[in-house]
Amino acid sequence: MTAGATRVVVLVLPEVNLLDLGGPVQVFDAAAALGAGYRLEFVAEAERMRSAQGLALAGIGRLPEVGPGDLVLVPGPRLREPGPGLNLVSEPVVEWLRAGHRAGARIAAVCTGAVALGDAGLLDGRRCTTHWGLIEPMRRRFPAARVQDGVLYVHDGPISTSAGISAGVDLALSLVERDHGPALTAAVARELVVYLRRDGSQAQISPFLRHRDHLHPGVHRVQDHIAAHLNTPRTLAELAAVAHLSPRGLSRAFVAATGITPLEYQQQLRLEQAAAMLAETDLTIEAVAARCGFRDARHFRRLYSARYGQPPSAVRAEGR
């Protein structure tokens, strides 16, 4: 996971689709409000642009230098088919994207924005996706790209692409999860009243995001509390006080809302956090167990193996 502030440089193209622009931008804005440290910056070749829906956009900054620590976001413009003679972006924008990539910036395209990345040569040899209606035209225009269909989004190194319209929100949530982990991403998804979806090549929905499609405010408060204090033991009575319920009332409400008990929910979150730490840090298995609230490393190994079908040591052996 990345640390510190991340500048999100939003490239506004002519006739940008408003949902491709607004959906992902609101994800990063909500994450920033929750402490993620994102800073949004809107840039284009000109100070004024017009969206595909006719809304005039003004006060846009010029193309800046970008590099490591920056995320360039390319919302999709209105586009029928990227034929051989169609230039989606001007040569200066193409060169800007190439320079940003060479300098180490991450670049993410929403929907038809993938064509701009293709024109810059950033999709050659990479897995990518776009709006379902442009899959075959993309394959014809960019034969070196590995264009995927039937997926919501694709990450391939520093380049990310998404399918059409609302999939841009899923892509943005996935980028937030990569930067700041599943707990904060769950809070963003809940704030926006959306739920992170994953394509078939990825793991099932994180427990931090699962079991949140209910309307019980007390249970939501307990879920938030558990996620924020994974390494701290909490009794049922303490959790019930968070929900303003009796212990018996919390147990009944929690099972009714989620299908599992508070203890089972806490264990799922602890194991999910442990899996992320094993994959992304060099901490020992004993240290991971302790940081995730497991006081006995042997007990942690048993629970982890039962859930994931392999011991924690196998993750380290695979170098993930």
C-alpha atoms as a PDB file:
ATOM      1  CA  MET A   1       0.000   0.000   0.000  1.00  0.00           C
ATOM      2  CA  THR A   2       1.210   3.506  -0.742  1.00  0.00           C
ATOM      3  CA  ALA A   3       1.702   6.131   1.943  1.00  0.00           C
ATOM      4  CA  GLY A   4       1.197   9.885   2.016  1.00  0.00           C
ATOM      5  CA  ALA A   5      -0.629  12.124  -0.389  1.00  0.00           C
ATOM      6  CA  THR A   6      -1.267  11.075  -3.974  1.00  0.00           C
ATOM      7  CA  ARG A   7      -1.988  13.623  -6.665  1.00  0.00           C
ATOM      8  CA  VAL A   8      -4.801  12.457  -8.953  1.00  0.00           C
ATOM      9  CA  VAL A   9      -4.348  14.308 -12.236  1.00  0.00           C
ATOM     10  CA  VAL A  10      -7.618  14.091 -14.168  1.00  0.00           C
ATOM     11  CA  LEU A  11      -7.155  14.525 -17.923  1.00  0.00           C
ATOM     12  CA  VAL A  12     -10.319  16.172 -19.303  1.00  0.00           C
ATOM     13  CA  LEU A  13     -10.698  15.289 -22.973  1.00  0.00           C
ATOM     14  CA  PRO A  14     -13.095  16.967 -25.436  1.00  0.00           C
ATOM     15  CA  GLU A  15     -16.648  15.557 -25.128  1.00  0.00           C
ATOM     16  CA  VAL A  16     -15.833  13.695 -21.939  1.00  0.00           C
ATOM     17  CA  ASN A  17     -18.723  11.639 -20.585  1.00  0.00           C
ATOM     18  CA  LEU A  18     -19.834  13.146 -17.279  1.00  0.00           C
ATOM     19  CA  LEU A  19     -20.308   9.835 -15.457  1.00  0.00           C
ATOM     20  CA  ASP A  20     -16.872   8.620 -16.570  1.00  0.00           C
ATOM     21  CA  LEU A  21     -15.500  11.826 -15.066  1.00  0.00           C
ATOM     22  CA  GLY A  22     -17.686  12.314 -11.999  1.00  0.00           C
ATOM     23  CA  GLY A  23     -17.957   8.739 -10.715  1.00  0.00           C
ATOM     24  CA  PRO A  24     -14.244   7.976 -10.209  1.00  0.00           C
ATOM     25  CA  VAL A  25     -13.536  11.551  -9.092  1.00  0.00           C
ATOM     26  CA  GLN A  26     -16.128  11.257  -6.326  1.00  0.00           C
ATOM     27  CA  VAL A  27     -14.529   8.018  -5.142  1.00  0.00           C
ATOM     28  CA  PHE A  28     -11.156   9.744  -4.698  1.00  0.00           C
ATOM     29  CA  ASP A  29     -12.811  12.792  -3.134  1.00  0.00           C
ATOM     30  CA  ALA A  30     -14.665  10.616  -0.623  1.00  0.00           C
ATOM     31  CA  ALA A  31     -11.459   8.725   0.150  1.00  0.00           C
ATOM     32  CA  ALA A  32      -9.654  12.024   0.733  1.00  0.00           C
ATOM     33  CA  ALA A  33     -12.387  13.130   3.134  1.00  0.00           C
ATOM     34  CA  LEU A  34     -11.765   9.914   5.079  1.00  0.00           C
ATOM     35  CA  GLY A  35      -8.057  10.631   5.360  1.00  0.00           C
ATOM     36  CA  ALA A  36      -6.582   8.988   2.260  1.00  0.00           C
ATOM     37  CA  GLY A  37      -4.650  12.104   1.232  1.00  0.00           C
ATOM     38  CA  TYR A  38      -5.661  12.261  -2.434  1.00  0.00           C
ATOM     39  CA  ARG A  39      -5.390  15.680  -4.137  1.00  0.00           C
ATOM     40  CA  LEU A  40      -7.479  16.172  -7.277  1.00  0.00           C
ATOM     41  CA  GLU A  41      -6.210  18.281 -10.151  1.00  0.00           C
ATOM     42  CA  PHE A  42      -8.106  18.753 -13.438  1.00  0.00           C
ATOM     43  CA  VAL A  43      -6.020  19.362 -16.555  1.00  0.00           C
ATOM     44  CA  ALA A  44      -6.487  19.652 -20.306  1.00  0.00           C
ATOM     45  CA  GLU A  45      -5.005  21.260 -23.401  1.00  0.00           C
ATOM     46  CA  ALA A  46      -7.412  24.168 -23.019  1.00  0.00           C
ATOM     47  CA  GLU A  47      -8.889  26.036 -20.063  1.00  0.00           C
ATOM     48  CA  ARG A  48     -12.430  25.253 -21.219  1.00  0.00           C
ATOM     49  CA  MET A  49     -13.963  21.974 -22.372  1.00  0.00           C
ATOM     50  CA  ARG A  50     -17.473  20.786 -23.168  1.00  0.00           C
ATOM     51  CA  SER A  51     -18.763  17.435 -22.020  1.00  0.00           C
ATOM     52  CA  ALA A  52     -20.531  14.966 -24.292  1.00  0.00           C
ATOM     53  CA  GLN A  53     -23.751  15.941 -22.496  1.00  0.00           C
ATOM     54  CA  GLY A  54     -23.295  19.643 -23.278  1.00  0.00           C
ATOM     55  CA  LEU A  55     -22.071  20.904 -19.907  1.00  0.00           C
ATOM     56  CA  ALA A  56     -19.356  23.554 -20.199  1.00  0.00           C
ATOM     57  CA  LEU A  57     -16.309  22.873 -18.010  1.00  0.00           C
ATOM     58  CA  ALA A  58     -14.064  25.813 -17.141  1.00  0.00           C
ATOM     59  CA  GLY A  59     -11.082  26.694 -14.976  1.00  0.00           C
ATOM     60  CA  ILE A  60      -9.112  23.624 -16.072  1.00  0.00           C
ATOM     61  CA  GLY A  61      -5.347  23.657 -15.574  1.00  0.00           C
ATOM     62  CA  ARG A  62      -2.746  23.044 -18.256  1.00  0.00           C
ATOM     63  CA  LEU A  63      -0.885  19.742 -18.595  1.00  0.00           C
ATOM     64  CA  PRO A  64       1.672  19.509 -15.743  1.00  0.00           C
ATOM     65  CA  GLU A  65       4.721  17.347 -15.295  1.00  0.00           C
ATOM     66  CA  VAL A  66       3.801  14.074 -13.595  1.00  0.00           C
ATOM     67  CA  GLY A  67       5.903  11.323 -12.130  1.00  0.00           C
ATOM     68  CA  PRO A  68       6.223   8.811  -9.282  1.00  0.00           C
ATOM     69  CA  GLY A  69       3.449   9.206  -6.728  1.00  0.00           C
ATOM     70  CA  ASP A  70       1.040  10.658  -9.288  1.00  0.00           C
ATOM     71  CA  LEU A  71      -2.027   8.934 -10.690  1.00  0.00           C
ATOM     72  CA  VAL A  72      -3.204  10.123 -14.105  1.00  0.00           C
ATOM     73  CA  LEU A  73      -6.921   9.450 -14.609  1.00  0.00           C
ATOM     74  CA  VAL A  74      -8.318   9.500 -18.164  1.00  0.00           C
ATOM     75  CA  PRO A  75     -12.157   9.548 -18.187  1.00  0.00           C
ATOM     76  CA  GLY A  76     -13.696   8.381 -21.444  1.00  0.00           C
ATOM     77  CA  PRO A  77     -14.958  10.764 -24.115  1.00  0.00           C
ATOM     78  CA  ARG A  78     -17.839  10.167 -26.501  1.00  0.00           C
ATOM     79  CA  LEU A  79     -16.551   7.833 -29.177  1.00  0.00           C
ATOM     80  CA  ARG A  80     -18.326   5.600 -31.641  1.00  0.00           C
ATOM     81  CA  GLU A  81     -15.469   3.464 -32.959  1.00  0.00           C
ATOM     82  CA  PRO A  82     -11.714   4.014 -32.824  1.00  0.00           C
ATOM     83  CA  GLY A  83     -11.133   3.446 -36.515  1.00  0.00           C
ATOM     84  CA  PRO A  84      -7.712   3.662 -38.187  1.00  0.00           C
ATOM     85  CA  GLY A  85      -8.158   7.310 -39.181  1.00  0.00           C
ATOM     86  CA  LEU A  86      -9.629   8.581 -35.901  1.00  0.00           C
ATOM     87  CA  ASN A  87      -7.417  10.560 -33.524  1.00  0.00           C
ATOM     88  CA  LEU A  88      -8.975  10.606 -30.059  1.00  0.00           C
ATOM     89  CA  VAL A  89      -6.383  12.956 -28.606  1.00  0.00           C
ATOM     90  CA  SER A  90      -3.941  15.459 -30.015  1.00  0.00           C
ATOM     91  CA  GLU A  91      -0.262  14.692 -30.404  1.00  0.00           C
ATOM     92  CA  PRO A  92       0.703  16.920 -27.430  1.00  0.00           C
ATOM     93  CA  VAL A  93      -1.626  14.916 -25.162  1.00  0.00           C
ATOM     94  CA  VAL A  94      -0.252  11.635 -26.543  1.00  0.00           C
ATOM     95  CA  GLU A  95       3.291  12.837 -25.809  1.00  0.00           C
ATOM     96  CA  TRP A  96       2.230  13.995 -22.337  1.00  0.00           C
ATOM     97  CA  LEU A  97       0.852  10.534 -21.532  1.00  0.00           C
ATOM     98  CA  ARG A  98       4.025   8.880 -22.792  1.00  0.00           C
ATOM     99  CA  ALA A  99       6.208  11.226 -20.781  1.00  0.00           C
ATOM    100  CA  GLY A 100       4.158  10.623 -17.634  1.00  0.00           C
ATOM    101  CA  HIS A 101       4.481   6.879 -18.086  1.00  0.00           C
ATOM    102  CA  ARG A 102       8.241   7.122 -18.629  1.00  0.00           C
ATOM    103  CA  ALA A 103       8.547   9.287 -15.522  1.00  0.00           C
ATOM    104  CA  GLY A 104       6.841   6.653 -13.351  1.00  0.00           C
ATOM    105  CA  ALA A 105       3.258   7.887 -12.999  1.00  0.00           C
ATOM    106  CA  ARG A 106       0.427   5.389 -12.772  1.00  0.00           C
ATOM    107  CA  ILE A 107      -2.184   5.830 -15.491  1.00  0.00           C
ATOM    108  CA  ALA A 108      -5.812   4.679 -15.321  1.00  0.00           C
ATOM    109  CA  ALA A 109      -8.362   4.989 -18.129  1.00  0.00           C
ATOM    110  CA  VAL A 110     -12.126   4.783 -17.801  1.00  0.00           C
ATOM    111  CA  CYS A 111     -14.170   3.284 -20.645  1.00  0.00           C
ATOM    112  CA  THR A 112     -13.213   4.857 -23.992  1.00  0.00           C
ATOM    113  CA  GLY A 113     -10.288   6.621 -22.346  1.00  0.00           C
ATOM    114  CA  ALA A 114      -8.396   3.387 -23.039  1.00  0.00           C
ATOM    115  CA  VAL A 115      -8.134   4.482 -26.673  1.00  0.00           C
ATOM    116  CA  ALA A 116      -5.989   7.441 -25.600  1.00  0.00           C
ATOM    117  CA  LEU A 117      -3.648   5.040 -23.817  1.00  0.00           C
ATOM    118  CA  GLY A 118      -3.551   2.842 -26.892  1.00  0.00           C
ATOM    119  CA  ASP A 119      -2.687   5.801 -29.115  1.00  0.00           C
ATOM    120  CA  ALA A 120       0.189   6.560 -26.738  1.00  0.00           C
ATOM    121  CA  GLY A 121       1.456   2.985 -27.068  1.00  0.00           C
ATOM    122  CA  LEU A 122       0.878   2.269 -23.384  1.00  0.00           C
ATOM    123  CA  LEU A 123      -1.275  -0.806 -23.999  1.00  0.00           C
ATOM    124  CA  ASP A 124       1.200  -2.713 -26.173  1.00  0.00           C
ATOM    125  CA  GLY A 125       1.759  -6.128 -24.612  1.00  0.00           C
ATOM    126  CA  ARG A 126      -0.574  -5.334 -21.726  1.00  0.00           C
ATOM    127  CA  ARG A 127      -3.920  -6.716 -20.645  1.00  0.00           C
ATOM    128  CA  CYS A 128      -6.608  -4.033 -20.850  1.00  0.00           C
ATOM    129  CA  THR A 129     -10.334  -3.530 -21.351  1.00  0.00           C
ATOM    130  CA  THR A 130     -12.840  -0.903 -22.446  1.00  0.00           C
ATOM    131  CA  HIS A 131     -16.546  -0.455 -23.190  1.00  0.00           C
ATOM    132  CA  TRP A 132     -18.060  -3.681 -24.494  1.00  0.00           C
ATOM    133  CA  GLY A 133     -19.018  -2.010 -27.775  1.00  0.00           C
ATOM    134  CA  LEU A 134     -15.397  -1.113 -28.497  1.00  0.00           C
ATOM    135  CA  ILE A 135     -13.701  -4.434 -27.689  1.00  0.00           C
ATOM    136  CA  GLU A 136     -13.363  -5.587 -31.296  1.00  0.00           C
ATOM    137  CA  PRO A 137     -12.504  -2.134 -32.716  1.00  0.00           C
ATOM    138  CA  MET A 138      -9.818  -1.841 -30.013  1.00  0.00           C
ATOM    139  CA  ARG A 139      -8.374  -5.190 -31.010  1.00  0.00           C
ATOM    140  CA  ARG A 140      -8.210  -4.105 -34.634  1.00  0.00           C
ATOM    141  CA  ARG A 141      -6.691  -0.704 -33.872  1.00  0.00           C
ATOM    142  CA  PHE A 142      -4.187  -1.950 -31.272  1.00  0.00           C
ATOM    143  CA  PRO A 143      -3.205  -5.507 -32.265  1.00  0.00           C
ATOM    144  CA  ALA A 144      -0.323  -5.526 -29.752  1.00  0.00           C
ATOM    145  CA  ALA A 145      -2.716  -4.913 -26.843  1.00  0.00           C
ATOM    146  CA  ARG A 146      -4.283  -7.873 -25.022  1.00  0.00           C
ATOM    147  CA  VAL A 147      -7.857  -6.559 -24.924  1.00  0.00           C
ATOM    148  CA  GLN A 148     -10.046  -8.473 -22.448  1.00  0.00           C
ATOM    149  CA  ASP A 149     -13.810  -8.755 -22.574  1.00  0.00           C
ATOM    150  CA  GLY A 150     -16.213  -9.802 -19.831  1.00  0.00           C
ATOM    151  CA  VAL A 151     -14.282  -7.970 -17.079  1.00  0.00           C
ATOM    152  CA  LEU A 152     -14.984  -4.760 -15.177  1.00  0.00           C
ATOM    153  CA  TYR A 153     -11.412  -3.539 -14.965  1.00  0.00           C
ATOM    154  CA  VAL A 154      -7.843  -4.701 -15.468  1.00  0.00           C
ATOM    155  CA  HIS A 155      -4.594  -3.764 -13.709  1.00  0.00           C
ATOM    156  CA  ASP A 156      -1.397  -4.520 -15.610  1.00  0.00           C
ATOM    157  CA  GLY A 157       1.599  -2.959 -13.918  1.00  0.00           C
ATOM    158  CA  PRO A 158       1.172   0.827 -13.695  1.00  0.00           C
ATOM    159  CA  ILE A 159      -1.595   0.820 -16.322  1.00  0.00           C
ATOM    160  CA  SER A 160      -5.257   0.278 -15.382  1.00  0.00           C
ATOM    161  CA  THR A 161      -8.343   0.272 -17.602  1.00  0.00           C
ATOM    162  CA  SER A 162     -12.055  -0.255 -17.017  1.00  0.00           C
ATOM    163  CA  ALA A 163     -15.174  -1.171 -18.906  1.00  0.00           C
ATOM    164  CA  GLY A 164     -17.954   1.308 -19.539  1.00  0.00           C
ATOM    165  CA  ILE A 165     -19.505   4.035 -17.390  1.00  0.00           C
ATOM    166  CA  SER A 166     -20.177   2.733 -13.849  1.00  0.00           C
ATOM    167  CA  ALA A 167     -17.208   0.340 -14.032  1.00  0.00           C
ATOM    168  CA  GLY A 168     -15.073   3.459 -13.586  1.00  0.00           C
ATOM    169  CA  VAL A 169     -16.338   3.613  -9.996  1.00  0.00           C
ATOM    170  CA  ASP A 170     -15.274  -0.012  -9.504  1.00  0.00           C
ATOM    171  CA  LEU A 171     -11.857   0.791 -10.951  1.00  0.00           C
ATOM    172  CA  ALA A 172     -11.438   3.793  -8.657  1.00  0.00           C
ATOM    173  CA  LEU A 173     -12.442   1.760  -5.598  1.00  0.00           C
ATOM    174  CA  SER A 174      -9.932  -0.900  -6.593  1.00  0.00           C
ATOM    175  CA  LEU A 175      -7.173   1.720  -6.857  1.00  0.00           C
ATOM    176  CA  VAL A 176      -8.090   3.079  -3.424  1.00  0.00           C
ATOM    177  CA  GLU A 177      -7.955  -0.447  -2.012  1.00  0.00           C
ATOM    178  CA  ARG A 178      -4.490  -0.931  -3.523  1.00  0.00           C
ATOM    179  CA  ASP A 179      -3.308   2.333  -1.982  1.00  0.00           C
ATOM    180  CA  HIS A 180      -4.982   2.266   1.425  1.00  0.00           C
ATOM    181  CA  GLY A 181      -6.365  -1.214   2.024  1.00  0.00           C
ATOM    182  CA  PRO A 182      -9.821  -2.754   2.242  1.00  0.00           C
ATOM    183  CA  ALA A 183     -10.987  -1.097   5.463  1.00  0.00           C
ATOM    184  CA  LEU A 184     -10.848   2.459   4.106  1.00  0.00           C
ATOM    185  CA  THR A 185     -12.244   1.284   0.758  1.00  0.00           C
ATOM    186  CA  ALA A 186     -15.208  -0.247   2.556  1.00  0.00           C
ATOM    187  CA  ALA A 187     -15.836   3.096   4.259  1.00  0.00           C
ATOM    188  CA  VAL A 188     -15.721   4.884   0.886  1.00  0.00           C
ATOM    189  CA  ALA A 189     -18.087   2.372  -0.702  1.00  0.00           C
ATOM    190  CA  ARG A 190     -20.507   2.740   2.174  1.00  0.00           C
ATOM    191  CA  GLU A 191     -20.313   6.551   1.992  1.00  0.00           C
ATOM    192  CA  LEU A 192     -21.220   6.420  -1.715  1.00  0.00           C
ATOM    193  CA  VAL A 193     -23.829   3.654  -1.192  1.00  0.00           C
ATOM    194  CA  VAL A 194     -22.056   1.389  -3.682  1.00  0.00           C
ATOM    195  CA  TYR A 195     -20.317  -1.970  -3.356  1.00  0.00           C
ATOM    196  CA  LEU A 196     -17.009  -3.006  -4.840  1.00  0.00           C
ATOM    197  CA  ARG A 197     -17.376  -5.607  -7.587  1.00  0.00           C
ATOM    198  CA  ARG A 198     -14.494  -7.746  -8.856  1.00  0.00           C
ATOM    199  CA  ASP A 199     -14.031  -9.467 -12.172  1.00  0.00           C
ATOM    200  CA  GLY A 200     -13.840 -13.231 -12.495  1.00  0.00           C
ATOM    201  CA  SER A 201     -10.042 -13.344 -12.384  1.00  0.00           C
ATOM    202  CA  GLN A 202      -9.909 -11.867  -8.894  1.00  0.00           C
ATOM    203  CA  ALA A 203     -10.708 -13.109  -5.413  1.00  0.00           C
ATOM    204  CA  GLN A 204     -14.179 -12.947  -3.987  1.00  0.00           C
ATOM    205  CA  ILE A 205     -15.361  -9.670  -2.464  1.00  0.00           C
ATOM    206  CA  SER A 206     -13.358  -8.724   0.593  1.00  0.00           C
ATOM    207  CA  PRO A 207     -15.044  -9.338   3.969  1.00  0.00           C
ATOM    208  CA  PHE A 208     -14.464  -5.627   4.599  1.00  0.00           C
ATOM    209  CA  LEU A 209     -16.995  -4.974   1.829  1.00  0.00           C
ATOM    210  CA  ARG A 210     -19.192  -8.050   2.211  1.00  0.00           C
ATOM    211  CA  HIS A 211     -22.070  -8.162   4.710  1.00  0.00           C
ATOM    212  CA  ARG A 212     -22.683  -4.409   4.335  1.00  0.00           C
ATOM    213  CA  ASP A 213     -25.808  -4.522   2.135  1.00  0.00           C
ATOM    214  CA  HIS A 214     -28.235  -3.996   5.033  1.00  0.00           C
ATOM    215  CA  LEU A 215     -29.851  -0.984   6.676  1.00  0.00           C
ATOM    216  CA  HIS A 216     -29.326  -1.612  10.398  1.00  0.00           C
ATOM    217  CA  PRO A 217     -27.400   1.414  11.749  1.00  0.00           C
ATOM    218  CA  GLY A 218     -26.343  -0.313  14.967  1.00  0.00           C
ATOM    219  CA  VAL A 219     -24.854  -3.268  13.115  1.00  0.00           C
ATOM    220  CA  HIS A 220     -23.039  -0.896  10.744  1.00  0.00           C
ATOM    221  CA  ARG A 221     -21.547   0.906  13.765  1.00  0.00           C
ATOM    222  CA  VAL A 222     -20.307  -2.381  15.193  1.00  0.00           C
ATOM    223  CA  GLN A 223     -18.831  -3.410  11.824  1.00  0.00           C
ATOM    224  CA  ASP A 224     -17.011  -0.077  11.577  1.00  0.00           C
ATOM    225  CA  HIS A 225     -15.751  -0.460  15.146  1.00  0.00           C
ATOM    226  CA  ILE A 226     -14.491  -3.994  14.571  1.00  0.00           C
ATOM    227  CA  ALA A 227     -12.691  -2.952  11.367  1.00  0.00           C
ATOM    228  CA  ALA A 228     -10.988  -0.053  13.164  1.00  0.00           C
ATOM    229  CA  HIS A 229      -9.819  -2.142  16.145  1.00  0.00           C
ATOM    230  CA  LEU A 230      -8.880  -5.524  14.688  1.00  0.00           C
ATOM    231  CA  ASN A 231      -5.946  -6.098  17.044  1.00  0.00           C
ATOM    232  CA  THR A 232      -7.913  -5.185  20.181  1.00  0.00           C
ATOM    233  CA  PRO A 233     -10.037  -7.773  22.007  1.00  0.00           C
ATOM    234  CA  ARG A 234     -13.664  -6.700  22.390  1.00  0.00           C
ATOM    235  CA  THR A 235     -16.337  -8.450  24.437  1.00  0.00           C
ATOM    236  CA  LEU A 236     -19.863  -8.849  23.153  1.00  0.00           C
ATOM    237  CA  ALA A 237     -20.987  -6.401  25.845  1.00  0.00           C
ATOM    238  CA  GLU A 238     -18.542  -3.764  24.604  1.00  0.00           C
ATOM    239  CA  LEU A 239     -19.711  -4.208  21.004  1.00  0.00           C
ATOM    240  CA  ALA A 240     -23.328  -4.060  22.149  1.00  0.00           C
ATOM    241  CA  ALA A 241     -22.635  -0.693  23.780  1.00  0.00           C
ATOM    242  CA  VAL A 242     -21.348   0.612  20.423  1.00  0.00           C
ATOM    243  CA  ALA A 243     -24.643  -0.435  18.828  1.00  0.00           C
ATOM    244  CA  HIS A 244     -26.727   0.875  21.757  1.00  0.00           C
ATOM    245  CA  LEU A 245     -28.215  -2.593  22.128  1.00  0.00           C
ATOM    246  CA  SER A 246     -28.129  -5.346  24.714  1.00  0.00           C
ATOM    247  CA  PRO A 247     -25.654  -8.200  24.041  1.00  0.00           C
ATOM    248  CA  ARG A 248     -28.522 -10.516  23.130  1.00  0.00           C
ATOM    249  CA  GLY A 249     -30.104  -7.818  20.967  1.00  0.00           C
ATOM    250  CA  LEU A 250     -26.843  -7.242  19.099  1.00  0.00           C
ATOM    251  CA  SER A 251     -26.330 -10.950  18.459  1.00  0.00           C
ATOM    252  CA  ARG A 252     -29.803 -11.323  17.030  1.00  0.00           C
ATOM    253  CA  ALA A 253     -29.600  -8.149  14.950  1.00  0.00           C
ATOM    254  CA  PHE A 254     -26.108  -8.947  13.640  1.00  0.00           C
ATOM    255  CA  VAL A 255     -27.047 -12.447  12.494  1.00  0.00           C
ATOM    256  CA  ALA A 256     -30.275 -11.173  10.931  1.00  0.00           C
ATOM    257  CA  ALA A 257     -28.405  -8.455   9.003  1.00  0.00           C
ATOM    258  CA  THR A 258     -25.290 -10.374   7.960  1.00  0.00           C
ATOM    259  CA  GLY A 259     -25.938 -14.096   8.406  1.00  0.00           C
ATOM    260  CA  ILE A 260     -22.954 -14.495  10.752  1.00  0.00           C
ATOM    261  CA  THR A 261     -22.122 -13.634  14.359  1.00  0.00           C
ATOM    262  CA  PRO A 262     -19.984 -10.643  15.423  1.00  0.00           C
ATOM    263  CA  LEU A 263     -17.171 -13.035  16.373  1.00  0.00           C
ATOM    264  CA  GLU A 264     -17.248 -14.735  12.969  1.00  0.00           C
ATOM    265  CA  TYR A 265     -17.235 -11.329  11.276  1.00  0.00           C
ATOM    266  CA  GLN A 266     -14.243 -10.193  13.317  1.00  0.00           C
ATOM    267  CA  GLN A 267     -12.359 -13.379  12.440  1.00  0.00           C
ATOM    268  CA  GLN A 268     -13.030 -12.937   8.721  1.00  0.00           C
ATOM    269  CA  LEU A 269     -11.696  -9.378   8.825  1.00  0.00           C
ATOM    270  CA  ARG A 270      -8.623 -10.387  10.807  1.00  0.00           C
ATOM    271  CA  LEU A 271      -7.792 -13.130   8.321  1.00  0.00           C
ATOM    272  CA  GLU A 272      -8.341 -10.778   5.376  1.00  0.00           C
ATOM    273  CA  GLN A 273      -6.028  -8.202   6.924  1.00  0.00           C
ATOM    274  CA  ALA A 274      -3.463 -10.890   7.654  1.00  0.00           C
ATOM    275  CA  ALA A 275      -3.559 -12.084   4.037  1.00  0.00           C
ATOM    276  CA  ALA A 276      -2.911  -8.535   2.826  1.00  0.00           C
ATOM    277  CA  MET A 277      -0.017  -8.060   5.260  1.00  0.00           C
ATOM    278  CA  LEU A 278       1.566 -11.368   4.281  1.00  0.00           C
ATOM    279  CA  ALA A 279       1.428 -10.354   0.618  1.00  0.00           C
ATOM    280  CA  GLU A 280       2.539  -6.741   1.005  1.00  0.00           C
ATOM    281  CA  THR A 281       4.992  -6.624   3.943  1.00  0.00           C
ATOM    282  CA  ASP A 282       8.096  -8.455   5.153  1.00  0.00           C
ATOM    283  CA  LEU A 283       6.723  -8.966   8.664  1.00  0.00           C
ATOM    284  CA  THR A 284       7.144 -12.395  10.178  1.00  0.00           C
ATOM    285  CA  ILE A 285       4.117 -14.645  10.423  1.00  0.00           C
ATOM    286  CA  GLU A 286       4.190 -14.186  14.202  1.00  0.00           C
ATOM    287  CA  ALA A 287       4.200 -10.385  13.834  1.00  0.00           C
ATOM    288  CA  VAL A 288       1.333 -10.491  11.315  1.00  0.00           C
ATOM    289  CA  ALA A 289      -0.686 -12.692  13.656  1.00  0.00           C
ATOM    290  CA  ALA A 290      -0.140 -10.300  16.563  1.00  0.00           C
ATOM    291  CA  ARG A 291      -0.965  -7.169  14.552  1.00  0.00           C
ATOM    292  CA  CYS A 292      -4.213  -8.732  13.356  1.00  0.00           C
ATOM    293  CA  GLY A 293      -5.349  -9.660  16.853  1.00  0.00           C
ATOM    294  CA  PHE A 294      -4.285 -13.313  16.975  1.00  0.00           C
ATOM    295  CA  ARG A 295      -2.457 -13.847  20.261  1.00  0.00           C
ATOM    296  CA  ASP A 296      -1.397 -17.392  19.339  1.00  0.00           C
ATOM    297  CA  ALA A 297       0.507 -17.804  16.039  1.00  0.00           C
ATOM    298  CA  ARG A 298      -0.252 -21.527  15.926  1.00  0.00           C
ATOM    299  CA  HIS A 299      -3.967 -20.854  16.202  1.00  0.00           C
ATOM    300  CA  PHE A 300      -3.614 -18.220  13.453  1.00  0.00           C
ATOM    301  CA  ARG A 301      -1.889 -20.752  11.171  1.00  0.00           C
ATOM    302  CA  ARG A 302      -4.732 -23.245  11.661  1.00  0.00           C
ATOM    303  CA  LEU A 303      -7.439 -20.673  10.953  1.00  0.00           C
ATOM    304  CA  TYR A 304      -5.581 -19.302   7.922  1.00  0.00           C
ATOM    305  CA  SER A 305      -5.062 -22.748   6.423  1.00  0.00           C
ATOM    306  CA  ALA A 306      -8.705 -23.657   6.951  1.00  0.00           C
ATOM    307  CA  ARG A 307      -9.895 -20.484   5.208  1.00  0.00           C
ATOM    308  CA  TYR A 308      -7.432 -20.202   2.324  1.00  0.00           C
ATOM    309  CA  GLY A 309      -6.452 -23.826   1.752  1.00  0.00           C
ATOM    310  CA  GLN A 310      -2.752 -23.206   2.370  1.00  0.00           C
ATOM    311  CA  PRO A 311      -0.592 -22.152   5.331  1.00  0.00           C
ATOM    312  CA  PRO A 312       0.635 -18.569   5.689  1.00  0.00           C
ATOM    313  CA  SER A 313       4.161 -19.744   4.864  1.00  0.00           C
ATOM    314  CA  ALA A 314       2.998 -20.692   1.351  1.00  0.00           C
ATOM    315  CA  VAL A 315       2.214 -17.046   0.581  1.00  0.00           C
ATOM    316  CA  ARG A 316       5.785 -16.065   1.435  1.00  0.00           C
ATOM    317  CA  ALA A 317       7.165 -19.014  -0.547  1.00  0.00           C
ATOM    318  CA  GLU A 318       5.277 -17.804  -3.629  1.00  0.00           C
ATOM    319  CA  GLY A 319       6.704 -14.308  -3.144  1.00  0.00           C
ATOM    320  CA  ARG A 320       3.312 -12.638  -3.155  1.00  0.00           C
END
